[in-house]
Amino acid sequence: MNILFLHCRPGFEGEVCAEITDLAARLDVPGYSRAKPGSACAEFVCSEAADGERMMRSVRFNSLIFPRQWARGGFVMLPESDRISVLLEALADYPVCGSLWLEVVDTNDGKELSTFCKKFEAPLRKALLKAGKLVDDARKPRLLLTFKSGREVFAGIAEADNQAMWPMGIPRLKFPREAPSRSTLKLEEAWHHFIPREQWDQRLAPGMTAVDLGAAPGGWTWQLVNREIRVTAVDNGPMAESLMYSGFVVHQRADGFTFRPRHPVHWMVCDIVEKPARTAAMIETWLGEGLCREAVVNLKLPMKQRYAEVRRLLDRIESGLAERGLKVSIGCKQLYHDREEVTCHLRRHGK
């Protein structure tokens, strides 16, 4: 069990390798990363199994930027028949797990395996329960089986409270037909990822105020209005008429990078296509000057050195706010609905 297996968006395998290698160096864990381009996954091979366990215990999964899911374990080759017996034998030294997820990688080949996994799950679950390797206990680790083919599976485990919220890290969100654009799902997913569900009614409460920079046609504004938050939508382009009829939106035709609200707001959200350094400077201004208490902002990524650039910008924002004497929590994730971008969440604490 010396391999960390990490899911990601296809095309970002190199970013996952860079991030997990950086993490291992900071934790003084010997090993190496590897990945095939376009495979939607990467691996970090530790010198010792204990090192992989130490990494997963020392790091919160939600603090990772590019991985969608992770697990610690090893590969198992399966025969064409009697796969369950071979799996049970391979899992003999694994701990008893409290739940089971069968996963595939986010590629066309992976999607074709989904039907097989659905058929295979019920008999496998029954066999695991009978063998005492699976019990109904949410406190125990989760068994994560990632099928790369019908013959090759990565058998991994992860702590129940230190992994993705959804299988493969892919949320099952339904596009609301009333929303003006599919980008609305980016903000909804960000809330699921960065804000505990039990805090939504407090931190996304009716009557709060928000500014949406680069709002048109209103995909992100729709999410705010749906929670009865009053929005100043800033964009030179037109907003969806349905939002303007809601009574919750004021449209300001202005440049999102120069706009400043007359009074501080609870939320600032921004999905403007711009160089990430300029967006990072804008984030620092809004939080640093107390223009908002929380923010969700997308950083568009460069073509190369994407992890290094994101890390540099996050460090810059953090140090800039610290120099102002502010306490701000910062999170960053490439969400499922992101493309060539990452989503940042910032929350200011205290006055």
Protein backbone atom coordinates (compact mmCIF):
# COMPACT_ATOMS: atom_id res chain seq x y z
CA MET A 1 0.00 0.00 0.00
CA ASN A 2 2.75 2.41 -0.94
CA ILE A 3 0.99 4.16 -3.86
CA LEU A 4 -1.15 7.29 -3.67
CA PHE A 5 -3.67 7.28 -6.53
CA LEU A 6 -5.13 10.67 -7.49
CA HIS A 7 -7.99 11.49 -9.85
CA CYS A 8 -7.93 14.76 -11.81
CA ARG A 9 -9.32 16.61 -14.80
CA PRO A 10 -7.96 15.14 -18.06
CA GLY A 11 -4.97 17.19 -19.18
CA PHE A 12 -3.94 18.21 -15.66
CA GLU A 13 -1.94 15.12 -14.74
CA GLY A 14 1.28 17.18 -14.76
CA GLU A 15 -0.18 19.69 -12.31
CA VAL A 16 -1.16 16.88 -9.92
CA CYS A 17 2.35 15.43 -10.16
CA ALA A 18 3.89 18.84 -9.45
CA GLU A 19 1.60 19.45 -6.49
CA ILE A 20 2.00 16.04 -4.85
CA THR A 21 5.78 16.12 -5.38
CA ASP A 22 5.90 19.54 -3.73
CA LEU A 23 3.80 18.23 -0.86
CA ALA A 24 6.04 15.18 -0.38
CA ALA A 25 9.15 17.38 -0.32
CA ARG A 26 7.64 19.61 2.38
CA LEU A 27 6.76 16.53 4.46
CA ASP A 28 10.16 14.91 3.77
CA VAL A 29 8.52 11.85 2.20
CA PRO A 30 10.77 10.02 -0.32
CA GLY A 31 9.13 8.90 -3.54
CA TYR A 32 8.29 9.91 -7.09
CA SER A 33 5.22 10.86 -9.14
CA ARG A 34 4.14 9.46 -12.50
CA ALA A 35 1.28 9.94 -14.92
CA LYS A 36 0.30 9.41 -18.54
CA PRO A 37 -1.00 12.52 -20.36
CA GLY A 38 -4.77 12.47 -20.77
CA SER A 39 -5.25 9.60 -18.32
CA ALA A 40 -7.19 11.71 -15.76
CA CYS A 41 -5.09 10.27 -12.93
CA ALA A 42 -1.63 10.34 -11.40
CA GLU A 43 0.30 8.29 -8.88
CA PHE A 44 2.85 9.01 -6.20
CA VAL A 45 4.97 6.00 -5.34
CA CYS A 46 6.31 6.16 -1.79
CA SER A 47 9.46 4.34 -0.72
CA GLU A 48 7.56 2.85 2.22
CA ALA A 49 3.88 2.17 2.78
CA ALA A 50 4.06 4.06 6.06
CA ASP A 51 5.08 7.21 4.19
CA GLY A 52 1.89 7.18 2.14
CA GLU A 53 -0.16 6.80 5.29
CA ARG A 54 1.75 9.68 6.89
CA MET A 55 1.07 11.94 3.91
CA MET A 56 -2.65 11.26 3.99
CA ARG A 57 -2.83 11.79 7.74
CA SER A 58 -0.76 15.01 7.62
CA VAL A 59 -2.72 16.73 4.85
CA ARG A 60 -6.38 17.62 4.47
CA PHE A 61 -7.65 16.52 1.09
CA ASN A 62 -9.63 19.75 0.70
CA SER A 63 -6.38 21.71 0.84
CA LEU A 64 -5.15 20.09 -2.41
CA ILE A 65 -5.76 22.12 -5.57
CA PHE A 66 -5.73 19.81 -8.57
CA PRO A 67 -6.59 16.28 -7.29
CA ARG A 68 -10.31 15.41 -7.36
CA GLN A 69 -9.99 12.27 -5.24
CA TRP A 70 -7.22 10.27 -3.58
CA ALA A 71 -6.63 6.86 -2.04
CA ARG A 72 -3.71 4.85 -0.68
CA GLY A 73 -3.18 1.26 -1.76
CA GLY A 74 -1.97 -0.80 -4.70
CA PHE A 75 -2.98 -2.29 -8.04
CA VAL A 76 -4.65 -5.65 -8.42
CA MET A 77 -4.79 -7.63 -11.67
CA LEU A 78 -8.05 -9.53 -12.06
CA PRO A 79 -8.80 -12.67 -14.10
CA GLU A 80 -11.69 -12.81 -16.54
CA SER A 81 -13.65 -14.89 -14.06
CA ASP A 82 -13.83 -15.16 -10.26
CA ARG A 83 -12.72 -11.54 -9.84
CA ILE A 84 -14.25 -11.34 -6.39
CA SER A 85 -12.11 -14.13 -4.91
CA VAL A 86 -8.93 -12.49 -6.23
CA LEU A 87 -10.00 -9.12 -4.82
CA LEU A 88 -10.79 -10.59 -1.41
CA GLU A 89 -7.35 -12.20 -1.32
CA ALA A 90 -5.69 -8.89 -2.26
CA LEU A 91 -7.66 -7.08 0.46
CA ALA A 92 -6.68 -9.54 3.21
CA ASP A 93 -4.23 -7.10 4.82
CA TYR A 94 -6.47 -4.04 4.37
CA PRO A 95 -8.36 -2.69 7.38
CA VAL A 96 -12.08 -3.28 7.80
CA CYS A 97 -13.84 -0.47 5.94
CA GLY A 98 -17.08 1.30 6.71
CA SER A 99 -18.20 2.02 3.13
CA LEU A 100 -17.44 1.14 -0.47
CA TRP A 101 -17.16 3.24 -3.64
CA LEU A 102 -16.46 1.82 -7.09
CA GLU A 103 -14.87 4.50 -9.25
CA VAL A 104 -13.48 4.96 -12.76
CA VAL A 105 -11.24 7.66 -14.23
CA ASP A 106 -12.82 10.60 -16.07
CA THR A 107 -12.05 9.46 -19.63
CA ASN A 108 -14.12 7.91 -22.41
CA ASP A 109 -12.70 4.48 -21.54
CA GLY A 110 -13.55 5.09 -17.92
CA LYS A 111 -17.13 6.03 -18.71
CA GLU A 112 -17.54 2.77 -20.63
CA LEU A 113 -16.57 0.89 -17.46
CA SER A 114 -19.35 2.53 -15.44
CA THR A 115 -21.92 -0.06 -16.52
CA PHE A 116 -19.62 -2.89 -15.47
CA CYS A 117 -19.07 -1.26 -12.06
CA LYS A 118 -22.79 -0.89 -11.45
CA LYS A 119 -23.34 -4.60 -12.13
CA PHE A 120 -20.26 -5.66 -10.15
CA GLU A 121 -20.94 -3.59 -7.03
CA ALA A 122 -23.82 -5.60 -5.55
CA PRO A 123 -22.14 -9.05 -5.58
CA LEU A 124 -18.84 -7.53 -4.45
CA ARG A 125 -20.51 -5.71 -1.56
CA LYS A 126 -22.22 -8.92 -0.51
CA ALA A 127 -18.91 -10.82 -0.56
CA LEU A 128 -17.09 -8.11 1.40
CA LEU A 129 -19.81 -8.08 4.07
CA LYS A 130 -19.70 -11.87 4.36
CA ALA A 131 -15.89 -11.83 4.66
CA GLY A 132 -16.03 -9.20 7.41
CA LYS A 133 -14.05 -6.67 5.34
CA LEU A 134 -16.99 -4.25 5.12
CA VAL A 135 -19.30 -3.01 7.87
CA ASP A 136 -21.82 -0.19 8.09
CA ASP A 137 -19.76 2.34 10.07
CA ALA A 138 -19.19 5.88 8.77
CA ARG A 139 -16.25 6.34 11.16
CA LYS A 140 -14.14 3.67 9.47
CA PRO A 141 -12.08 4.20 6.29
CA ARG A 142 -13.75 4.00 2.89
CA LEU A 143 -12.69 1.33 0.41
CA LEU A 144 -12.16 3.01 -2.97
CA LEU A 145 -11.82 0.68 -5.95
CA THR A 146 -10.83 2.51 -9.14
CA PHE A 147 -11.25 0.34 -12.23
CA LYS A 148 -8.83 1.27 -15.01
CA SER A 149 -10.14 -1.68 -17.03
CA GLY A 150 -12.14 -4.83 -16.36
CA ARG A 151 -8.86 -6.52 -15.46
CA GLU A 152 -6.95 -3.80 -13.56
CA VAL A 153 -8.18 -2.09 -10.42
CA PHE A 154 -6.55 0.19 -7.87
CA ALA A 155 -7.61 -0.96 -4.42
CA GLY A 156 -7.28 2.00 -2.08
CA ILE A 157 -8.50 3.35 1.22
CA ALA A 158 -9.05 6.85 2.54
CA GLU A 159 -10.34 8.20 5.81
CA ALA A 160 -14.05 8.92 5.58
CA ASP A 161 -13.57 12.57 6.60
CA ASN A 162 -10.49 13.21 4.46
CA GLN A 163 -11.44 12.59 0.83
CA ALA A 164 -13.77 13.88 -1.88
CA MET A 165 -17.44 14.45 -1.09
CA TRP A 166 -18.53 12.52 -4.19
CA PRO A 167 -17.20 9.44 -6.02
CA MET A 168 -14.31 10.48 -8.29
CA GLY A 169 -14.75 14.00 -6.92
CA ILE A 170 -17.56 14.64 -9.40
CA PRO A 171 -20.67 16.30 -7.92
CA ARG A 172 -24.12 15.30 -9.10
CA LEU A 173 -25.55 18.79 -9.63
CA LYS A 174 -28.56 19.42 -11.84
CA PHE A 175 -28.50 22.43 -14.15
CA PRO A 176 -31.45 24.68 -13.23
CA ARG A 177 -33.32 25.52 -16.45
CA GLU A 178 -34.13 29.00 -15.12
CA ALA A 179 -30.44 29.93 -14.88
CA PRO A 180 -29.08 32.09 -17.74
CA SER A 181 -25.91 30.01 -18.28
CA ARG A 182 -24.27 26.74 -17.28
CA SER A 183 -21.58 28.68 -15.41
CA THR A 184 -24.12 28.81 -12.57
CA LEU A 185 -22.95 25.31 -11.59
CA LYS A 186 -19.43 26.63 -10.86
CA LEU A 187 -20.71 28.77 -7.99
CA GLU A 188 -23.03 26.09 -6.66
CA GLU A 189 -20.19 23.56 -6.62
CA ALA A 190 -17.92 26.12 -4.91
CA TRP A 191 -20.42 26.50 -2.10
CA HIS A 192 -20.63 22.73 -1.66
CA HIS A 193 -16.83 22.44 -1.57
CA PHE A 194 -15.90 25.43 0.58
CA ILE A 195 -18.89 25.91 2.91
CA PRO A 196 -20.21 23.14 5.19
CA ARG A 197 -23.84 22.50 4.24
CA GLU A 198 -25.06 23.13 7.77
CA GLN A 199 -23.66 26.70 7.55
CA TRP A 200 -25.42 27.71 4.33
CA ASP A 201 -28.44 29.23 6.08
CA GLN A 202 -26.11 31.42 8.15
CA ARG A 203 -23.49 32.40 5.56
CA LEU A 204 -25.80 32.52 2.51
CA ALA A 205 -28.81 34.01 4.25
CA PRO A 206 -31.74 35.87 2.64
CA GLY A 207 -31.25 39.63 2.83
CA MET A 208 -27.47 39.53 2.53
CA THR A 209 -25.75 41.67 -0.09
CA ALA A 210 -23.36 40.69 -2.87
CA VAL A 211 -21.46 42.04 -5.85
CA ASP A 212 -21.05 39.90 -8.97
CA LEU A 213 -18.15 41.21 -11.08
CA GLY A 214 -18.40 40.31 -14.76
CA ALA A 215 -21.94 39.13 -14.12
CA ALA A 216 -23.57 38.99 -17.57
CA PRO A 217 -25.69 37.15 -18.49
CA GLY A 218 -26.14 36.18 -14.82
CA GLY A 219 -25.26 32.55 -14.15
CA TRP A 220 -23.60 33.34 -10.81
CA THR A 221 -26.09 36.10 -9.99
CA TRP A 222 -28.87 33.53 -10.37
CA GLN A 223 -27.42 31.40 -7.56
CA LEU A 224 -27.33 34.41 -5.24
CA VAL A 225 -30.85 35.55 -6.17
CA ASN A 226 -32.10 31.99 -5.67
CA ARG A 227 -31.09 32.40 -2.04
CA GLU A 228 -32.75 35.86 -1.89
CA ILE A 229 -29.44 37.71 -1.67
CA ARG A 230 -29.46 41.25 -3.07
CA VAL A 231 -26.95 41.56 -5.90
CA THR A 232 -25.17 44.40 -7.62
CA ALA A 233 -24.38 42.88 -11.02
CA VAL A 234 -21.40 44.64 -12.61
CA ASP A 235 -20.92 44.17 -16.36
CA ASN A 236 -21.12 46.25 -19.52
CA GLY A 237 -23.04 43.40 -21.15
CA PRO A 238 -26.78 42.69 -20.81
CA MET A 239 -28.24 40.71 -17.92
CA ALA A 240 -31.00 38.13 -18.32
CA GLU A 241 -34.38 39.86 -18.10
CA SER A 242 -35.73 37.25 -15.69
CA LEU A 243 -33.11 38.28 -13.13
CA MET A 244 -33.90 41.98 -13.53
CA TYR A 245 -37.58 41.25 -12.89
CA SER A 246 -36.74 39.46 -9.64
CA GLY A 247 -36.31 42.68 -7.68
CA PHE A 248 -33.06 41.43 -6.18
CA VAL A 249 -30.66 42.77 -8.83
CA VAL A 250 -29.22 46.19 -9.61
CA HIS A 251 -27.26 46.26 -12.88
CA GLN A 252 -24.20 48.53 -12.95
CA ARG A 253 -22.63 48.95 -16.41
CA ALA A 254 -19.00 49.31 -15.36
CA ASP A 255 -15.57 47.69 -15.44
CA GLY A 256 -15.44 44.93 -12.83
CA PHE A 257 -11.81 45.72 -12.00
CA THR A 258 -12.45 49.37 -11.15
CA PHE A 259 -15.89 49.07 -9.52
CA ARG A 260 -16.12 49.65 -5.77
CA PRO A 261 -19.34 49.33 -3.73
CA ARG A 262 -20.55 52.31 -1.69
CA HIS A 263 -20.90 50.07 1.34
CA PRO A 264 -19.23 46.77 2.28
CA VAL A 265 -21.09 43.65 1.15
CA HIS A 266 -21.27 40.14 2.50
CA TRP A 267 -20.16 38.48 -0.75
CA MET A 268 -18.09 39.25 -3.84
CA VAL A 269 -18.07 36.74 -6.69
CA CYS A 270 -16.14 37.03 -9.94
CA ASP A 271 -15.74 34.92 -13.08
CA ILE A 272 -13.99 37.41 -15.37
CA VAL A 273 -11.61 36.16 -18.06
CA GLU A 274 -8.41 38.03 -17.21
CA LYS A 275 -4.76 37.43 -16.44
CA PRO A 276 -4.59 35.65 -13.05
CA ALA A 277 -2.10 38.15 -11.58
CA ARG A 278 -4.55 41.01 -12.12
CA THR A 279 -7.39 39.00 -10.61
CA ALA A 280 -5.22 38.11 -7.59
CA ALA A 281 -4.45 41.80 -7.00
CA MET A 282 -8.18 42.56 -7.14
CA ILE A 283 -8.91 39.82 -4.60
CA GLU A 284 -6.35 41.29 -2.20
CA THR A 285 -7.93 44.74 -2.54
CA TRP A 286 -11.47 43.57 -1.86
CA LEU A 287 -10.59 41.51 1.21
CA GLY A 288 -7.84 43.84 2.38
CA GLU A 289 -9.98 46.96 2.30
CA GLY A 290 -12.97 45.23 3.85
CA LEU A 291 -15.19 45.63 0.77
CA CYS A 292 -16.55 42.12 1.34
CA ARG A 293 -16.46 39.42 4.01
CA GLU A 294 -16.36 36.38 1.72
CA ALA A 295 -15.46 35.90 -1.93
CA VAL A 296 -15.52 33.22 -4.62
CA VAL A 297 -13.28 34.07 -7.56
CA ASN A 298 -12.00 32.14 -10.55
CA LEU A 299 -8.33 32.39 -11.52
CA LYS A 300 -7.78 31.67 -15.20
CA LEU A 301 -4.67 29.53 -15.70
CA PRO A 302 -1.65 30.13 -17.95
CA MET A 303 -0.64 27.56 -20.58
CA LYS A 304 2.46 26.35 -18.71
CA GLN A 305 3.66 25.98 -15.10
CA ARG A 306 0.06 26.13 -13.92
CA TYR A 307 0.60 24.73 -10.45
CA ALA A 308 3.65 26.94 -9.85
CA GLU A 309 1.72 30.04 -10.95
CA VAL A 310 -1.30 29.26 -8.76
CA ARG A 311 0.95 28.59 -5.77
CA ARG A 312 2.81 31.86 -6.37
CA LEU A 313 -0.42 33.88 -6.55
CA LEU A 314 -1.93 32.25 -3.46
CA ASP A 315 1.26 32.98 -1.48
CA ARG A 316 1.14 36.56 -2.72
CA ILE A 317 -2.47 37.04 -1.62
CA GLU A 318 -1.80 35.42 1.76
CA SER A 319 1.31 37.50 2.48
CA GLY A 320 -0.37 40.71 1.29
CA LEU A 321 -3.33 40.22 3.62
CA ALA A 322 -1.04 39.21 6.51
CA GLU A 323 0.92 42.43 6.06
CA ARG A 324 -2.35 44.31 6.59
CA GLY A 325 -2.76 42.44 9.89
CA LEU A 326 -5.79 40.53 8.64
CA LYS A 327 -6.85 36.98 9.35
CA VAL A 328 -8.26 35.48 6.14
CA SER A 329 -8.82 31.82 5.35
CA ILE A 330 -7.99 30.93 1.74
CA GLY A 331 -9.04 27.85 -0.18
CA CYS A 332 -8.34 26.93 -3.80
CA LYS A 333 -9.59 24.02 -5.92
CA GLN A 334 -9.94 23.05 -9.53
CA LEU A 335 -13.59 22.11 -9.34
CA TYR A 336 -15.29 19.67 -11.68
CA HIS A 337 -17.12 22.48 -13.50
CA ASP A 338 -13.93 24.50 -13.92
CA ARG A 339 -12.00 24.28 -17.17
CA GLU A 340 -8.68 26.09 -17.61
CA GLU A 341 -9.10 27.72 -14.20
CA VAL A 342 -9.23 27.20 -10.46
CA THR A 343 -11.74 28.53 -7.96
CA CYS A 344 -10.63 30.46 -4.88
CA HIS A 345 -12.67 31.03 -1.74
CA LEU A 346 -11.63 33.64 0.82
CA ARG A 347 -13.25 34.46 4.13
CA ARG A 348 -12.27 37.36 6.35
CA HIS A 349 -12.37 36.76 10.12
CA GLY A 350 -12.80 39.42 12.76
CA LYS A 351 -13.44 43.08 11.96
